[in-house]
Protein backbone atom coordinates (compact mmCIF):
# COMPACT_ATOMS: atom_id res chain seq x y z
CA MET A 1 0.00 0.00 0.00
CA ASN A 2 1.54 3.36 -1.04
CA ASP A 3 1.46 6.55 1.02
CA TRP A 4 -1.37 8.06 -1.02
CA THR A 5 -3.58 5.00 -0.49
CA LYS A 6 -2.96 5.19 3.26
CA ARG A 7 -4.52 8.66 3.27
CA ILE A 8 -7.89 7.40 2.02
CA PRO A 9 -10.48 7.25 4.83
CA GLU A 10 -11.67 3.68 5.35
CA LYS A 11 -15.28 4.70 4.70
CA TYR A 12 -14.45 5.70 1.10
CA LYS A 13 -11.63 3.27 0.32
CA ASP A 14 -13.50 0.77 -1.88
CA HIS A 15 -15.00 3.51 -4.01
CA LEU A 16 -11.86 5.62 -4.31
CA LEU A 17 -9.63 2.69 -5.21
CA LYS A 18 -11.92 2.16 -8.22
CA VAL A 19 -11.54 5.86 -9.03
CA ARG A 20 -7.76 5.39 -8.80
CA GLU A 21 -7.96 2.77 -11.55
CA GLN A 22 -9.91 5.24 -13.69
CA GLN A 23 -7.23 7.87 -13.12
CA LEU A 24 -4.51 5.49 -14.28
CA GLN A 25 -6.45 4.59 -17.42
CA ILE A 26 -7.28 8.20 -18.30
CA ALA A 27 -3.65 9.26 -17.78
CA LYS A 28 -2.69 7.02 -20.72
CA LYS A 29 -5.22 8.68 -23.02
CA LEU A 30 -4.48 12.38 -22.50
CA GLU A 31 -3.43 14.55 -25.46
CA LEU A 32 -0.50 16.61 -24.20
CA GLN A 33 1.71 17.25 -27.24
CA LYS A 34 -0.54 19.14 -29.64
CA GLY A 35 -3.84 20.77 -28.80
CA ILE A 36 -4.76 24.45 -28.89
CA SER A 37 -2.21 27.26 -29.44
CA LEU A 38 -2.20 30.65 -27.71
CA GLU A 39 -3.24 32.35 -30.96
CA GLU A 40 -6.42 30.27 -30.98
CA VAL A 41 -7.41 31.26 -27.44
CA GLN A 42 -10.04 33.97 -27.09
CA LEU A 43 -12.33 32.98 -24.22
CA VAL A 44 -10.94 31.46 -21.02
CA ALA A 45 -13.18 30.19 -18.22
CA GLY A 46 -12.00 29.85 -14.65
CA PHE A 47 -13.68 27.29 -12.38
CA ASP A 48 -13.60 27.19 -8.58
CA THR A 49 -15.71 25.80 -5.74
CA ALA A 50 -16.55 27.14 -2.29
CA PHE A 51 -17.63 24.77 0.48
CA ASP A 52 -19.88 24.94 3.51
CA ASP A 53 -18.78 21.72 5.20
CA GLU A 54 -21.07 22.23 8.18
CA ASN A 55 -24.16 22.05 5.96
CA ASN A 56 -22.59 19.79 3.30
CA ILE A 57 -23.29 22.22 0.48
CA ALA A 58 -20.93 23.57 -2.17
CA CYS A 59 -21.10 26.21 -4.86
CA SER A 60 -19.17 25.84 -8.11
CA ALA A 61 -18.69 28.96 -10.20
CA ALA A 62 -17.36 29.64 -13.69
CA VAL A 63 -16.32 33.04 -14.99
CA THR A 64 -15.42 33.43 -18.67
CA VAL A 65 -13.02 36.23 -19.58
CA ASP A 66 -11.94 37.55 -22.99
CA ILE A 67 -8.16 37.15 -23.05
CA GLU A 68 -7.66 40.30 -25.16
CA THR A 69 -10.01 42.76 -23.46
CA LEU A 70 -10.01 41.15 -19.98
CA GLU A 71 -13.77 41.74 -19.92
CA THR A 72 -16.07 39.24 -18.22
CA VAL A 73 -18.16 37.54 -20.90
CA GLU A 74 -20.25 35.20 -18.76
CA LYS A 75 -20.77 34.07 -15.15
CA GLN A 76 -22.50 30.87 -14.05
CA PHE A 77 -22.88 29.03 -10.76
CA THR A 78 -24.51 25.93 -9.36
CA TYR A 79 -25.02 24.30 -5.97
CA PHE A 80 -24.39 20.65 -5.18
CA LYS A 81 -23.73 18.29 -2.27
CA PRO A 82 -20.18 16.85 -2.23
CA LYS A 83 -20.06 13.06 -2.07
CA ILE A 84 -16.75 12.89 -0.22
CA PRO A 85 -14.63 15.14 2.03
CA TYR A 86 -11.31 16.46 0.78
CA VAL A 87 -8.98 13.51 0.15
CA PRO A 88 -5.57 14.27 -1.44
CA THR A 89 -5.34 13.19 -5.12
CA PHE A 90 -9.14 12.83 -5.42
CA LEU A 91 -10.18 16.45 -5.97
CA TYR A 92 -12.14 15.55 -9.09
CA GLU A 93 -14.32 13.14 -7.12
CA ARG A 94 -15.18 15.97 -4.72
CA GLU A 95 -15.57 18.89 -7.14
CA GLY A 96 -16.09 17.27 -10.55
CA PRO A 97 -19.88 16.73 -10.29
CA GLY A 98 -20.37 20.46 -9.75
CA TYR A 99 -18.14 21.39 -12.67
CA LYS A 100 -19.80 19.01 -15.11
CA LYS A 101 -23.21 20.37 -14.15
CA LEU A 102 -21.88 23.91 -14.44
CA PHE A 103 -20.34 23.35 -17.87
CA GLN A 104 -23.78 22.46 -19.26
CA GLN A 105 -25.04 25.91 -18.19
CA ILE A 106 -22.38 27.88 -20.06
CA LYS A 107 -23.89 29.57 -23.10
CA GLU A 108 -20.77 30.83 -24.88
CA GLU A 109 -18.31 27.96 -25.07
CA PRO A 110 -14.82 28.88 -23.83
CA ASP A 111 -11.66 27.85 -25.65
CA VAL A 112 -9.74 26.89 -22.51
CA LEU A 113 -10.81 25.93 -18.98
CA LEU A 114 -8.72 26.80 -15.90
CA PHE A 115 -9.10 24.87 -12.65
CA ASP A 116 -7.86 25.52 -9.14
CA GLY A 117 -6.06 22.19 -8.89
CA ASN A 118 -3.63 19.99 -10.79
CA GLY A 119 -3.55 18.41 -14.22
CA ILE A 120 -0.83 15.83 -14.85
CA LEU A 121 1.13 17.21 -11.87
CA HIS A 122 -0.34 14.37 -9.86
CA PRO A 123 1.06 11.13 -8.38
CA PHE A 124 -1.04 9.10 -10.81
CA GLY A 125 -0.88 11.47 -13.78
CA CYS A 126 -4.51 12.51 -13.67
CA GLY A 127 -5.56 15.36 -11.42
CA LEU A 128 -8.77 17.38 -11.49
CA ALA A 129 -7.95 19.36 -14.66
CA SER A 130 -6.93 16.22 -16.57
CA GLN A 131 -9.89 14.12 -15.53
CA ILE A 132 -12.47 16.77 -16.38
CA GLY A 133 -10.62 17.71 -19.57
CA TYR A 134 -10.85 14.10 -20.66
CA GLU A 135 -14.56 13.85 -19.87
CA LEU A 136 -15.52 17.18 -21.44
CA LYS A 137 -13.05 16.83 -24.34
CA LYS A 138 -11.86 20.40 -23.79
CA PRO A 139 -8.42 22.04 -23.39
CA THR A 140 -7.80 22.34 -19.64
CA ILE A 141 -5.08 23.76 -17.40
CA GLY A 142 -4.44 23.07 -13.73
CA VAL A 143 -3.28 25.98 -11.56
CA ALA A 144 -2.44 24.91 -8.01
CA LYS A 145 -1.30 26.95 -5.02
CA LYS A 146 0.51 24.03 -3.36
CA LEU A 147 3.07 21.67 -4.86
CA LEU A 148 1.77 18.10 -4.70
CA LEU A 149 4.99 16.43 -5.87
CA GLY A 150 8.23 17.06 -7.75
CA THR A 151 11.01 19.63 -7.40
CA PHE A 152 11.99 22.85 -9.17
CA GLU A 153 14.89 25.28 -9.09
CA GLY A 154 14.34 28.52 -7.23
CA PRO A 155 14.17 31.26 -6.19
CA LEU A 156 12.31 32.74 -9.14
CA LYS A 157 11.99 36.32 -10.34
CA GLU A 158 8.55 37.78 -10.95
CA GLY A 159 7.26 36.47 -14.29
CA GLY A 160 9.81 33.66 -14.32
CA TYR A 161 9.22 29.94 -14.15
CA SER A 162 11.04 26.67 -13.59
CA GLU A 163 10.16 23.17 -14.74
CA ILE A 164 8.83 20.79 -12.10
CA ILE A 165 10.65 17.46 -12.33
CA HIS A 166 9.53 14.14 -10.87
CA HIS A 167 11.28 10.87 -11.74
CA GLU A 168 13.10 12.68 -14.57
CA GLN A 169 9.80 13.78 -16.15
CA VAL A 170 8.58 17.36 -16.61
CA LEU A 171 5.11 17.52 -15.06
CA GLY A 172 4.56 21.27 -15.05
CA VAL A 173 6.15 24.55 -14.04
CA ALA A 174 6.47 26.68 -10.93
CA PHE A 175 5.50 30.20 -12.03
CA GLN A 176 6.29 33.32 -10.01
CA SER A 177 3.16 35.39 -10.63
CA LEU A 178 3.87 37.87 -7.82
CA PRO A 179 7.15 39.34 -6.53
CA SER A 180 9.05 37.44 -3.85
CA PRO A 181 8.46 36.56 -1.01
CA ALA A 182 5.15 35.37 -2.48
CA LYS A 183 5.24 31.67 -3.31
CA PRO A 184 4.86 30.55 -6.94
CA ILE A 185 1.80 28.92 -8.43
CA PHE A 186 2.06 25.52 -10.12
CA ILE A 187 0.84 25.14 -13.69
CA SER A 188 0.25 21.80 -15.38
CA GLN A 189 -1.45 20.51 -18.49
CA GLY A 190 -4.91 19.04 -18.11
CA ASN A 191 -5.78 17.78 -21.58
CA TYR A 192 -5.67 18.91 -25.22
CA ILE A 193 -2.94 21.48 -24.56
CA ASN A 194 0.86 21.50 -24.51
CA LEU A 195 2.88 22.86 -21.61
CA LYS A 196 4.12 25.94 -23.48
CA THR A 197 0.59 27.08 -24.29
CA ALA A 198 -0.63 26.33 -20.76
CA VAL A 199 2.12 28.52 -19.30
CA ASN A 200 1.54 31.27 -21.86
CA VAL A 201 -2.19 31.47 -21.14
CA VAL A 202 -1.63 31.87 -17.40
CA ARG A 203 1.30 34.25 -17.87
CA PHE A 204 -0.64 36.42 -20.32
CA PHE A 205 -3.33 37.07 -17.72
CA THR A 206 -0.96 37.75 -14.83
CA GLN A 207 1.03 40.21 -16.94
CA THR A 208 -1.95 42.12 -18.37
CA GLN A 209 -4.67 42.13 -15.71
CA GLN A 210 -5.05 45.56 -14.15
CA PHE A 211 -4.71 44.52 -10.52
CA GLN A 212 -2.01 42.22 -9.23
CA LYS A 213 -3.34 38.88 -8.07
CA LYS A 214 -1.58 35.59 -7.58
CA LEU A 215 -4.03 33.70 -9.78
CA PRO A 216 -4.96 34.45 -13.41
CA LEU A 217 -8.05 36.65 -13.65
CA PRO A 218 -10.66 34.00 -14.63
CA LEU A 219 -9.72 31.83 -11.64
CA PHE A 220 -9.60 34.75 -9.24
CA LEU A 221 -13.05 35.95 -10.34
CA ALA A 222 -14.49 32.43 -10.13
CA HIS A 223 -13.15 32.14 -6.58
CA LEU A 224 -14.86 35.38 -5.55
CA PHE A 225 -18.12 34.48 -7.33
CA ALA A 226 -18.33 31.03 -5.72
CA LYS A 227 -17.81 32.50 -2.25
CA GLU A 228 -20.38 35.22 -2.92
CA LYS A 229 -23.06 32.79 -4.10
CA LEU A 230 -22.40 30.28 -1.32
CA GLY A 231 -22.99 33.06 1.17
CA LYS A 232 -26.42 33.67 -0.34
CA GLU A 233 -27.53 30.02 -0.32
């Protein structure tokens, strides 16, 4: 039994071990070499979820932003009841149902989806952004605030990045979106996008948005919108 399996609560172990098998299978099917280019990206949607654990209710929000004008094109939200608590490496199982429901509500289809979580920067090669990118068949990028695994060379200058290496494989980059001593964010491919484009999409927002925030604008706005709507539920 590996360390990640030991972290699964006994109550959910049978179910989540089946999910683990799905992750391993999906990881083999991801398209990570080609996919969309930066020049093809116009609309970018950020997805985030806010939780009220006491009442077992969550709110997922999506905010679509025009990458050229930085204007908000569309905002959507939905409520749902999470099936499991937070368990490391199983974020999709906790948040995915809300995002799939939310995606059906979006009227103007975005070119790229950003998620507050990991893509292939994951012990089993299939984090939230990869799993939902595979299911929705859309280009996806994972943007995480904590490093799940791997190492990178630092310190980084603002706007700089360093490849994240694990077992001699490049799984993503550490990107310094704010000046030091702020910690970097961790960008990884989800599906249907190469690493260069994933980094360029995130970097474009952080370099052009009018107010300095650690996260790219669509994710930051989705975070605020989810919290706002959860407070009104």
